[in-house]
Protein backbone atom coordinates (compact mmCIF):
# COMPACT_ATOMS: atom_id res chain seq x y z
CA MET A 1 96.23 95.92 63.84
CA PHE A 2 92.91 95.34 65.47
CA ASN A 3 94.49 95.32 68.66
CA THR A 4 95.48 99.05 68.17
CA LEU A 5 92.50 100.04 66.55
CA ILE A 6 90.68 98.84 69.87
CA ARG A 7 93.69 100.52 71.94
CA LYS A 8 92.81 103.69 70.29
CA ALA A 9 89.37 103.40 70.20
CA LYS A 10 89.19 102.82 74.16
CA LYS A 11 91.89 105.92 74.68
CA ALA A 12 89.58 107.85 72.97
CA LEU A 13 86.55 107.62 74.38
CA PRO A 14 86.64 104.98 77.24
CA ILE A 15 83.18 102.86 76.37
CA ILE A 16 81.99 99.98 78.79
CA VAL A 17 79.63 96.97 77.56
CA ASP A 18 78.93 94.97 80.44
CA VAL A 19 76.45 92.22 78.87
CA ASN A 20 75.60 90.59 82.47
CA ASN A 21 73.55 92.65 84.85
CA ASP A 22 73.76 89.68 87.49
CA ILE A 23 74.62 90.82 90.77
CA ASN A 24 75.50 87.01 90.81
CA ARG A 25 79.17 88.06 88.91
CA THR A 26 80.56 90.61 91.48
CA VAL A 27 82.99 90.37 93.48
CA ILE A 28 84.62 92.56 95.93
CA VAL A 29 87.71 92.92 97.04
CA ALA A 30 88.21 95.22 99.97
CA GLY A 31 91.22 96.40 102.27
CA ALA A 32 93.03 99.19 104.10
CA ALA A 33 94.57 101.31 101.53
CA ARG A 34 98.23 100.34 100.81
CA SER A 35 97.39 96.45 101.93
CA GLY A 36 97.48 94.75 98.49
CA THR A 37 94.12 95.37 97.39
CA THR A 38 95.59 96.14 93.80
CA TRP A 39 98.13 92.78 93.87
CA LEU A 40 95.76 90.79 95.18
CA ALA A 41 92.82 91.96 92.02
CA ASP A 42 95.61 92.10 89.47
CA ILE A 43 95.82 88.06 90.89
CA ILE A 44 92.16 87.74 90.51
CA ASN A 45 92.30 89.25 87.14
CA TYR A 46 95.15 87.89 85.20
CA LYS A 47 93.31 86.91 82.96
CA ASN A 48 91.33 90.20 82.09
CA ASP A 49 88.34 88.68 82.63
CA TYR A 50 86.55 91.02 84.96
CA ARG A 51 85.38 94.37 84.77
CA LEU A 52 87.96 96.34 87.22
CA MET A 53 85.94 98.69 89.40
CA PHE A 54 87.72 100.83 91.93
CA GLU A 55 86.33 102.70 94.79
CA PRO A 56 82.49 103.03 93.89
CA PHE A 57 81.65 104.51 97.07
CA GLN A 58 83.06 107.24 96.90
CA ALA A 59 80.93 110.27 97.94
CA ARG A 60 82.89 112.91 96.34
CA ARG A 61 83.59 111.23 93.12
CA VAL A 62 80.49 109.66 92.14
CA THR A 63 76.99 111.19 91.61
CA ILE A 64 74.50 107.53 92.80
CA THR A 65 76.37 107.56 95.70
CA SER A 66 77.01 111.24 97.08
CA HIS A 67 74.26 111.05 100.18
CA PHE A 68 77.17 108.30 101.32
CA LYS A 69 79.18 109.32 104.17
CA HIS A 70 83.17 109.19 104.27
CA GLY A 71 83.65 105.60 105.98
CA GLN A 72 79.88 105.07 105.80
CA TYR A 73 79.01 102.59 108.05
CA LEU A 74 75.22 101.00 107.57
CA ARG A 75 73.70 98.84 110.49
CA PRO A 76 73.63 95.20 108.47
CA ASP A 77 69.44 95.11 109.46
CA ASP A 78 69.21 98.59 107.58
CA GLN A 79 66.35 98.26 104.58
CA ASN A 80 66.77 102.02 103.74
CA GLU A 81 66.04 101.87 99.88
CA ALA A 82 68.45 105.34 99.45
CA PHE A 83 71.61 102.89 99.77
CA LEU A 84 70.18 99.40 98.60
CA LYS A 85 69.30 101.27 95.24
CA PRO A 86 72.32 102.79 94.38
CA VAL A 87 74.35 99.41 95.46
CA ARG A 88 72.39 97.43 93.84
CA THR A 89 72.44 99.42 90.48
CA ILE A 90 76.50 99.56 91.35
CA LEU A 91 76.75 95.58 91.94
CA SER A 92 74.83 94.41 88.68
CA GLY A 93 77.29 96.68 86.68
CA LYS A 94 74.77 99.46 85.34
CA PHE A 95 76.58 102.22 86.93
CA LYS A 96 79.32 103.30 84.72
CA HIS A 97 81.92 106.00 85.46
CA PRO A 98 84.70 106.44 83.10
CA ARG A 99 86.99 108.99 85.29
CA TRP A 100 87.05 107.09 88.48
CA VAL A 101 85.37 103.66 88.96
CA ASP A 102 85.77 102.38 85.48
CA ARG A 103 89.66 104.41 85.33
CA ALA A 104 91.87 101.28 85.56
CA ASN A 105 89.55 98.59 83.59
CA ARG A 106 90.81 97.43 81.01
CA LYS A 107 88.50 94.89 79.66
CA LEU A 108 85.82 96.72 76.88
CA ILE A 109 82.99 93.99 77.28
CA CYS A 110 82.35 92.62 80.38
CA ARG A 111 80.84 89.64 81.91
CA ASN A 112 81.87 89.96 85.40
CA ARG A 113 82.91 92.63 88.17
CA LEU A 114 86.00 92.80 90.24
CA MET A 115 85.05 95.82 92.22
CA LYS A 116 88.34 97.50 94.58
CA ILE A 117 87.27 99.00 97.91
CA ILE A 118 89.31 100.54 100.73
CA HIS A 119 87.51 103.15 102.14
CA GLY A 120 84.17 101.58 102.28
CA ASN A 121 84.78 98.72 104.55
CA LEU A 122 82.70 99.74 106.91
CA LEU A 123 79.69 98.84 104.58
CA LEU A 124 81.08 95.00 103.94
CA LYS A 125 78.73 93.45 106.46
CA TRP A 126 75.61 95.37 105.44
CA ILE A 127 76.80 94.54 101.45
CA LYS A 128 76.69 90.78 102.93
CA ILE A 129 73.72 90.51 104.77
CA ASN A 130 71.24 92.77 101.57
CA PHE A 131 73.68 90.84 99.10
CA PRO A 132 74.76 87.43 100.26
CA GLN A 133 75.45 86.03 96.34
CA VAL A 134 78.70 88.63 96.06
CA PRO A 135 81.26 87.03 97.35
CA ILE A 136 83.50 89.23 99.64
CA VAL A 137 87.54 88.80 99.70
CA LEU A 138 89.17 90.96 102.83
CA ILE A 139 92.88 91.51 102.51
CA ILE A 140 94.80 92.45 105.79
CA ARG A 141 98.04 92.45 106.17
CA HIS A 142 100.38 93.82 109.21
CA PRO A 143 99.32 97.60 109.96
CA CYS A 144 102.92 97.96 110.58
CA ALA A 145 103.62 97.35 107.15
CA VAL A 146 100.37 99.47 106.23
CA ALA A 147 101.53 102.12 108.16
CA CYS A 148 105.24 101.92 107.03
CA SER A 149 103.35 101.77 102.98
CA ARG A 150 101.72 104.99 103.46
CA LEU A 151 104.50 106.59 104.94
CA ALA A 152 106.29 105.82 102.09
CA LEU A 153 103.69 106.89 100.03
CA ARG A 154 103.99 110.82 101.14
CA HIS A 155 107.42 110.85 100.40
């Protein structure tokens, strides 16, 4: 009964309570599209211990990163607060976006975050330098397998 109520409430109003805004509680899974990032994120989050965050650096969809370019690159030593501030907000879990970033999330009360990135890979070194406490897992799949998967998806 209680689980049914939770499911109905979640469908009606996507509420996420992130009770720990420590950046240390965020893990990033990155890779190319169709490289296995969803599979790897599902393995890491098999107990649903994480708030799943999808592509928070998508400028077209996320307001606080609207000044980021598609495939944004930043030099590792770049200290521009225009980039640091929104990334800090996202990594801390203070940012919520039910229609895009949190669309696949199944956790209502969160202490940990798992961020999936497929279009922000050029930011990874910058993130590692500026937020060294955040673990980054980069998955690399054979490029021919990625290409075949992407081609098959278009049909």
